Amino acid sequence: MNIGGIDSSRIEAMMAQLKAAAQKPAAAPALGSPLGGIGGIGGQNPLKGTDAVESSSKVSFSDALKAQLDNVNKTQVQADQMGERFAAGDNSVSLSDTMIAMQKASISFQATVQVRNKLVSAYHDIMNMQV
């Protein structure tokens, strides 16, 4: 089924990917890489410090969503810091690394906005249902 230009199987696949990313421990980032993988930034587990039980096989939607929002925020903060360091003339930060970090932050923010739009649309659809 196609919902507003996005296939529902893609949405289900993304939800499964979010759940899998929230359940597995974060892998260490590659050497020289300013950002970690889906699991977090710089090898940090985005679920640490929350009320989520790490040994549990179930992850609530709110915990997965909060972890991903925190991940987007950390990506944006790190990209901003790299941009400031590059503008200040820090030789340890290259232009290509800075631009890549900024593009990652932009793409992750755009994806977050699209998820929010779909959630709001689903909320409106549910509220408009006849009982």
N, C-alpha and C. Protein backbone atom coordinates (compact mmCIF):
# COMPACT_ATOMS: atom_id res chain seq x y z
N MET A 1 0.84 -1.17 0.00
CA MET A 1 0.00 0.00 0.00
C MET A 1 0.89 1.24 0.00
N ASN A 2 0.54 2.24 -0.79
CA ASN A 2 1.30 3.46 -0.92
C ASN A 2 0.64 4.55 -0.10
N ILE A 3 1.36 5.10 0.88
CA ILE A 3 0.82 6.14 1.76
C ILE A 3 1.58 7.42 1.49
N GLY A 4 0.95 8.36 0.80
CA GLY A 4 1.57 9.66 0.57
C GLY A 4 2.91 9.58 -0.11
N GLY A 5 3.09 8.67 -1.07
CA GLY A 5 4.34 8.58 -1.80
C GLY A 5 5.36 7.64 -1.18
N ILE A 6 5.08 7.09 0.02
CA ILE A 6 6.00 6.17 0.67
C ILE A 6 5.29 4.84 0.83
N ASP A 7 5.91 3.78 0.36
CA ASP A 7 5.36 2.45 0.45
C ASP A 7 5.35 2.01 1.92
N SER A 8 4.25 1.41 2.38
CA SER A 8 4.14 1.01 3.79
C SER A 8 5.19 -0.03 4.16
N SER A 9 5.64 -0.84 3.22
CA SER A 9 6.69 -1.81 3.54
C SER A 9 8.00 -1.10 3.86
N ARG A 10 8.25 0.05 3.24
CA ARG A 10 9.46 0.83 3.55
C ARG A 10 9.37 1.40 4.96
N ILE A 11 8.16 1.81 5.36
CA ILE A 11 7.97 2.34 6.71
C ILE A 11 8.21 1.24 7.73
N GLU A 12 7.65 0.05 7.47
CA GLU A 12 7.86 -1.07 8.37
C GLU A 12 9.33 -1.46 8.43
N ALA A 13 10.02 -1.42 7.29
CA ALA A 13 11.45 -1.74 7.27
C ALA A 13 12.24 -0.72 8.08
N MET A 14 11.87 0.56 7.98
CA MET A 14 12.56 1.60 8.74
C MET A 14 12.32 1.41 10.24
N MET A 15 11.10 1.06 10.62
CA MET A 15 10.81 0.82 12.04
C MET A 15 11.62 -0.37 12.56
N ALA A 16 11.72 -1.42 11.76
CA ALA A 16 12.52 -2.58 12.16
C ALA A 16 13.98 -2.20 12.30
N GLN A 17 14.46 -1.34 11.40
CA GLN A 17 15.85 -0.89 11.46
C GLN A 17 16.09 -0.04 12.70
N LEU A 18 15.14 0.83 13.05
CA LEU A 18 15.26 1.63 14.26
C LEU A 18 15.30 0.75 15.51
N LYS A 19 14.43 -0.25 15.54
CA LYS A 19 14.41 -1.16 16.68
C LYS A 19 15.71 -1.93 16.79
N ALA A 20 16.21 -2.42 15.66
CA ALA A 20 17.47 -3.18 15.66
C ALA A 20 18.63 -2.29 16.10
N ALA A 21 18.64 -1.05 15.64
CA ALA A 21 19.72 -0.14 16.01
C ALA A 21 19.66 0.20 17.50
N ALA A 22 18.47 0.29 18.05
CA ALA A 22 18.32 0.60 19.46
C ALA A 22 18.71 -0.59 20.35
N GLN A 23 18.56 -1.80 19.83
CA GLN A 23 18.85 -2.98 20.62
C GLN A 23 20.31 -3.37 20.63
N LYS A 24 21.03 -3.16 19.53
CA LYS A 24 22.41 -3.61 19.48
C LYS A 24 23.34 -2.54 20.05
N PRO A 25 24.45 -2.98 20.66
CA PRO A 25 25.40 -2.00 21.19
C PRO A 25 26.07 -1.26 20.04
N ALA A 26 26.49 -0.04 20.33
CA ALA A 26 27.11 0.79 19.31
C ALA A 26 28.49 0.27 18.96
N ALA A 27 28.81 0.25 17.67
CA ALA A 27 30.13 -0.14 17.22
C ALA A 27 31.04 1.07 17.29
N ALA A 28 32.32 0.83 17.47
CA ALA A 28 33.28 1.93 17.51
C ALA A 28 33.38 2.53 16.12
N PRO A 29 33.48 3.86 16.03
CA PRO A 29 33.59 4.48 14.71
C PRO A 29 34.93 4.19 14.07
N ALA A 30 34.98 4.35 12.77
CA ALA A 30 36.23 4.13 12.05
C ALA A 30 37.25 5.16 12.48
N LEU A 31 38.53 4.81 12.38
CA LEU A 31 39.58 5.73 12.75
C LEU A 31 39.50 6.99 11.91
N GLY A 32 39.56 8.11 12.59
CA GLY A 32 39.49 9.38 11.88
C GLY A 32 38.08 9.83 11.56
N SER A 33 37.11 8.99 11.84
CA SER A 33 35.73 9.34 11.54
C SER A 33 35.16 10.16 12.69
N PRO A 34 34.60 11.33 12.41
CA PRO A 34 34.04 12.15 13.49
C PRO A 34 32.72 11.62 13.99
N LEU A 35 32.04 10.78 13.21
CA LEU A 35 30.71 10.30 13.58
C LEU A 35 30.70 8.79 13.68
N GLY A 36 29.87 8.27 14.57
CA GLY A 36 29.70 6.84 14.67
C GLY A 36 28.64 6.37 13.70
N GLY A 37 28.23 5.13 13.82
CA GLY A 37 27.19 4.57 12.95
C GLY A 37 25.82 4.89 13.49
N ILE A 38 24.86 4.05 13.13
CA ILE A 38 23.47 4.25 13.56
C ILE A 38 23.38 4.15 15.07
N GLY A 39 24.23 3.34 15.69
CA GLY A 39 24.15 3.13 17.13
C GLY A 39 24.45 4.35 17.96
N GLY A 40 25.12 5.35 17.42
CA GLY A 40 25.41 6.54 18.20
C GLY A 40 26.58 7.31 17.62
N ILE A 41 26.91 8.37 18.28
CA ILE A 41 27.99 9.23 17.86
C ILE A 41 29.23 8.87 18.67
N GLY A 42 30.31 8.64 17.98
CA GLY A 42 31.57 8.39 18.65
C GLY A 42 31.56 7.15 19.52
N GLY A 43 30.77 6.15 19.17
CA GLY A 43 30.73 4.91 19.92
C GLY A 43 29.88 4.97 21.16
N GLN A 44 29.10 6.01 21.37
CA GLN A 44 28.26 6.12 22.53
C GLN A 44 26.93 5.45 22.26
N ASN A 45 26.44 4.73 23.26
CA ASN A 45 25.14 4.08 23.12
C ASN A 45 24.06 5.11 23.42
N PRO A 46 23.15 5.39 22.46
CA PRO A 46 22.14 6.42 22.69
C PRO A 46 21.12 6.05 23.76
N LEU A 47 21.03 4.78 24.16
CA LEU A 47 20.05 4.39 25.17
C LEU A 47 20.61 4.42 26.58
N LYS A 48 21.92 4.57 26.73
CA LYS A 48 22.49 4.62 28.08
C LYS A 48 22.01 5.87 28.77
N GLY A 49 21.69 5.72 30.04
CA GLY A 49 21.22 6.86 30.79
C GLY A 49 19.72 7.03 30.71
N THR A 50 19.03 6.21 29.94
CA THR A 50 17.58 6.30 29.89
C THR A 50 17.00 5.20 30.76
N ASP A 51 15.70 5.15 30.82
CA ASP A 51 15.02 4.14 31.63
C ASP A 51 14.91 2.81 30.92
N ALA A 52 15.45 2.71 29.72
CA ALA A 52 15.35 1.47 28.95
C ALA A 52 16.18 0.39 29.62
N VAL A 53 15.64 -0.80 29.71
CA VAL A 53 16.37 -1.93 30.25
C VAL A 53 17.15 -2.55 29.11
N GLU A 54 18.48 -2.56 29.22
CA GLU A 54 19.32 -2.99 28.12
C GLU A 54 19.23 -4.49 27.86
N SER A 55 18.91 -5.27 28.89
CA SER A 55 18.84 -6.71 28.69
C SER A 55 17.50 -7.15 28.10
N SER A 56 16.54 -6.25 28.06
CA SER A 56 15.23 -6.58 27.52
C SER A 56 15.27 -6.67 26.00
N SER A 57 14.49 -7.60 25.45
CA SER A 57 14.46 -7.76 24.00
C SER A 57 13.45 -6.81 23.36
N LYS A 58 12.62 -6.18 24.16
CA LYS A 58 11.62 -5.25 23.63
C LYS A 58 12.06 -3.82 23.90
N VAL A 59 11.89 -2.98 22.90
CA VAL A 59 12.21 -1.57 23.03
C VAL A 59 10.93 -0.80 22.72
N SER A 60 10.58 0.11 23.59
CA SER A 60 9.36 0.88 23.35
C SER A 60 9.60 1.89 22.23
N PHE A 61 8.53 2.25 21.56
CA PHE A 61 8.61 3.21 20.46
C PHE A 61 9.16 4.54 20.95
N SER A 62 8.72 4.96 22.12
CA SER A 62 9.16 6.26 22.64
C SER A 62 10.66 6.26 22.92
N ASP A 63 11.20 5.14 23.44
CA ASP A 63 12.64 5.06 23.69
C ASP A 63 13.43 5.09 22.39
N ALA A 64 12.96 4.36 21.38
CA ALA A 64 13.65 4.34 20.09
C ALA A 64 13.59 5.72 19.44
N LEU A 65 12.45 6.38 19.53
CA LEU A 65 12.30 7.71 18.95
C LEU A 65 13.19 8.72 19.66
N LYS A 66 13.21 8.67 20.98
CA LYS A 66 14.06 9.58 21.75
C LYS A 66 15.52 9.35 21.44
N ALA A 67 15.92 8.10 21.32
CA ALA A 67 17.32 7.79 21.00
C ALA A 67 17.70 8.35 19.63
N GLN A 68 16.82 8.22 18.66
CA GLN A 68 17.12 8.74 17.34
C GLN A 68 17.12 10.27 17.32
N LEU A 69 16.23 10.90 18.07
CA LEU A 69 16.23 12.36 18.16
C LEU A 69 17.52 12.86 18.82
N ASP A 70 17.96 12.17 19.86
CA ASP A 70 19.23 12.51 20.50
C ASP A 70 20.39 12.35 19.52
N ASN A 71 20.33 11.28 18.72
CA ASN A 71 21.36 11.03 17.72
C ASN A 71 21.41 12.16 16.69
N VAL A 72 20.25 12.61 16.24
CA VAL A 72 20.18 13.72 15.27
C VAL A 72 20.75 14.98 15.90
N ASN A 73 20.40 15.25 17.16
CA ASN A 73 20.90 16.43 17.84
C ASN A 73 22.42 16.39 17.97
N LYS A 74 22.97 15.24 18.37
CA LYS A 74 24.42 15.12 18.51
C LYS A 74 25.12 15.29 17.16
N THR A 75 24.51 14.77 16.10
CA THR A 75 25.09 14.92 14.76
C THR A 75 25.14 16.38 14.37
N GLN A 76 24.08 17.12 14.66
CA GLN A 76 24.03 18.54 14.32
C GLN A 76 25.03 19.35 15.15
N VAL A 77 25.12 19.05 16.43
CA VAL A 77 26.06 19.76 17.30
C VAL A 77 27.50 19.51 16.84
N GLN A 78 27.80 18.25 16.53
CA GLN A 78 29.16 17.93 16.10
C GLN A 78 29.48 18.59 14.76
N ALA A 79 28.53 18.64 13.84
CA ALA A 79 28.76 19.30 12.55
C ALA A 79 29.00 20.79 12.76
N ASP A 80 28.22 21.41 13.64
CA ASP A 80 28.42 22.84 13.94
C ASP A 80 29.80 23.09 14.54
N GLN A 81 30.22 22.21 15.46
CA GLN A 81 31.54 22.37 16.07
C GLN A 81 32.65 22.22 15.04
N MET A 82 32.49 21.25 14.14
CA MET A 82 33.51 21.08 13.10
C MET A 82 33.55 22.30 12.19
N GLY A 83 32.39 22.86 11.84
CA GLY A 83 32.35 24.06 11.02
C GLY A 83 33.03 25.24 11.69
N GLU A 84 32.79 25.40 12.98
CA GLU A 84 33.43 26.49 13.72
C GLU A 84 34.93 26.30 13.79
N ARG A 85 35.37 25.05 14.02
CA ARG A 85 36.81 24.77 14.08
C ARG A 85 37.47 25.02 12.73
N PHE A 86 36.79 24.62 11.64
CA PHE A 86 37.35 24.85 10.31
C PHE A 86 37.43 26.34 10.01
N ALA A 87 36.37 27.08 10.36
CA ALA A 87 36.35 28.52 10.10
C ALA A 87 37.42 29.25 10.93
N ALA A 88 37.73 28.70 12.10
CA ALA A 88 38.74 29.32 12.96
C ALA A 88 40.16 29.00 12.49
N GLY A 89 40.29 28.10 11.50
CA GLY A 89 41.62 27.80 10.95
C GLY A 89 42.29 26.59 11.57
N ASP A 90 41.54 25.74 12.24
CA ASP A 90 42.11 24.53 12.83
C ASP A 90 42.56 23.59 11.71
N ASN A 91 43.86 23.26 11.68
CA ASN A 91 44.40 22.42 10.61
C ASN A 91 44.03 20.95 10.75
N SER A 92 43.53 20.55 11.92
CA SER A 92 43.16 19.15 12.12
C SER A 92 41.80 18.81 11.50
N VAL A 93 41.07 19.83 11.07
CA VAL A 93 39.74 19.62 10.47
C VAL A 93 39.81 19.99 9.00
N SER A 94 39.50 19.03 8.15
CA SER A 94 39.53 19.30 6.71
C SER A 94 38.16 19.77 6.23
N LEU A 95 38.17 20.43 5.08
CA LEU A 95 36.93 20.91 4.50
C LEU A 95 36.01 19.76 4.14
N SER A 96 36.58 18.69 3.59
CA SER A 96 35.73 17.55 3.19
C SER A 96 35.06 16.89 4.39
N ASP A 97 35.80 16.73 5.50
CA ASP A 97 35.19 16.15 6.70
C ASP A 97 34.08 17.05 7.24
N THR A 98 34.31 18.34 7.20
CA THR A 98 33.32 19.30 7.68
C THR A 98 32.06 19.26 6.82
N MET A 99 32.24 19.24 5.51
CA MET A 99 31.08 19.21 4.60
C MET A 99 30.31 17.89 4.74
N ILE A 100 31.02 16.80 4.89
CA ILE A 100 30.35 15.50 5.06
C ILE A 100 29.54 15.49 6.35
N ALA A 101 30.13 15.99 7.43
CA ALA A 101 29.42 16.04 8.72
C ALA A 101 28.17 16.92 8.61
N MET A 102 28.29 18.04 7.91
CA MET A 102 27.13 18.93 7.76
C MET A 102 26.05 18.29 6.90
N GLN A 103 26.43 17.56 5.87
CA GLN A 103 25.44 16.88 5.02
C GLN A 103 24.76 15.75 5.79
N LYS A 104 25.52 15.01 6.61
CA LYS A 104 24.91 13.96 7.44
C LYS A 104 23.89 14.57 8.40
N ALA A 105 24.25 15.70 9.00
CA ALA A 105 23.34 16.36 9.93
C ALA A 105 22.09 16.84 9.20
N SER A 106 22.26 17.38 8.01
CA SER A 106 21.12 17.86 7.24
C SER A 106 20.20 16.72 6.83
N ILE A 107 20.77 15.63 6.36
CA ILE A 107 19.96 14.48 5.93
C ILE A 107 19.23 13.86 7.12
N SER A 108 19.92 13.73 8.25
CA SER A 108 19.26 13.13 9.42
C SER A 108 18.13 14.03 9.91
N PHE A 109 18.30 15.35 9.83
CA PHE A 109 17.23 16.27 10.23
C PHE A 109 16.05 16.18 9.27
N GLN A 110 16.33 16.12 7.97
CA GLN A 110 15.25 16.01 6.99
C GLN A 110 14.47 14.71 7.18
N ALA A 111 15.17 13.62 7.48
CA ALA A 111 14.49 12.34 7.73
C ALA A 111 13.61 12.44 8.97
N THR A 112 14.11 13.13 10.00
CA THR A 112 13.33 13.31 11.22
C THR A 112 12.07 14.12 10.95
N VAL A 113 12.18 15.16 10.14
CA VAL A 113 11.01 15.98 9.80
C VAL A 113 10.00 15.13 9.03
N GLN A 114 10.46 14.28 8.14
CA GLN A 114 9.53 13.43 7.38
C GLN A 114 8.82 12.43 8.30
N VAL A 115 9.55 11.87 9.26
CA VAL A 115 8.93 10.95 10.22
C VAL A 115 7.89 11.70 11.04
N ARG A 116 8.22 12.91 11.47
CA ARG A 116 7.26 13.72 12.22
C ARG A 116 6.01 13.99 11.38
N ASN A 117 6.21 14.34 10.11
CA ASN A 117 5.05 14.61 9.24
C ASN A 117 4.16 13.38 9.10
N LYS A 118 4.76 12.20 8.97
CA LYS A 118 3.98 10.97 8.86
C LYS A 118 3.24 10.67 10.16
N LEU A 119 3.88 10.92 11.30
CA LEU A 119 3.22 10.70 12.58
C LEU A 119 2.03 11.65 12.76
N VAL A 120 2.20 12.91 12.39
CA VAL A 120 1.11 13.88 12.49
C VAL A 120 -0.02 13.49 11.55
N SER A 121 0.32 13.06 10.35
CA SER A 121 -0.69 12.63 9.39
C SER A 121 -1.46 11.42 9.92
N ALA A 122 -0.74 10.46 10.50
CA ALA A 122 -1.40 9.28 11.06
C ALA A 122 -2.31 9.68 12.23
N TYR A 123 -1.85 10.62 13.05
CA TYR A 123 -2.66 11.10 14.17
C TYR A 123 -3.96 11.72 13.66
N HIS A 124 -3.85 12.57 12.63
CA HIS A 124 -5.05 13.20 12.08
C HIS A 124 -5.99 12.16 11.47
N ASP A 125 -5.43 11.16 10.80
CA ASP A 125 -6.27 10.10 10.23
C ASP A 125 -7.02 9.34 11.31
N ILE A 126 -6.34 9.06 12.41
CA ILE A 126 -6.99 8.33 13.50
C ILE A 126 -8.05 9.19 14.17
N MET A 127 -7.76 10.46 14.35
CA MET A 127 -8.73 11.35 15.00
C MET A 127 -9.97 11.59 14.13
N ASN A 128 -9.82 11.47 12.80
CA ASN A 128 -10.95 11.69 11.90
C ASN A 128 -11.75 10.41 11.62
N MET A 129 -11.34 9.29 12.19
CA MET A 129 -12.07 8.03 11.97
C MET A 129 -13.43 8.09 12.66
N GLN A 130 -14.42 7.51 12.00
CA GLN A 130 -15.73 7.40 12.59
C GLN A 130 -15.75 6.18 13.51
N VAL A 131 -16.33 6.34 14.68
CA VAL A 131 -16.39 5.24 15.65
C VAL A 131 -17.76 4.58 15.62
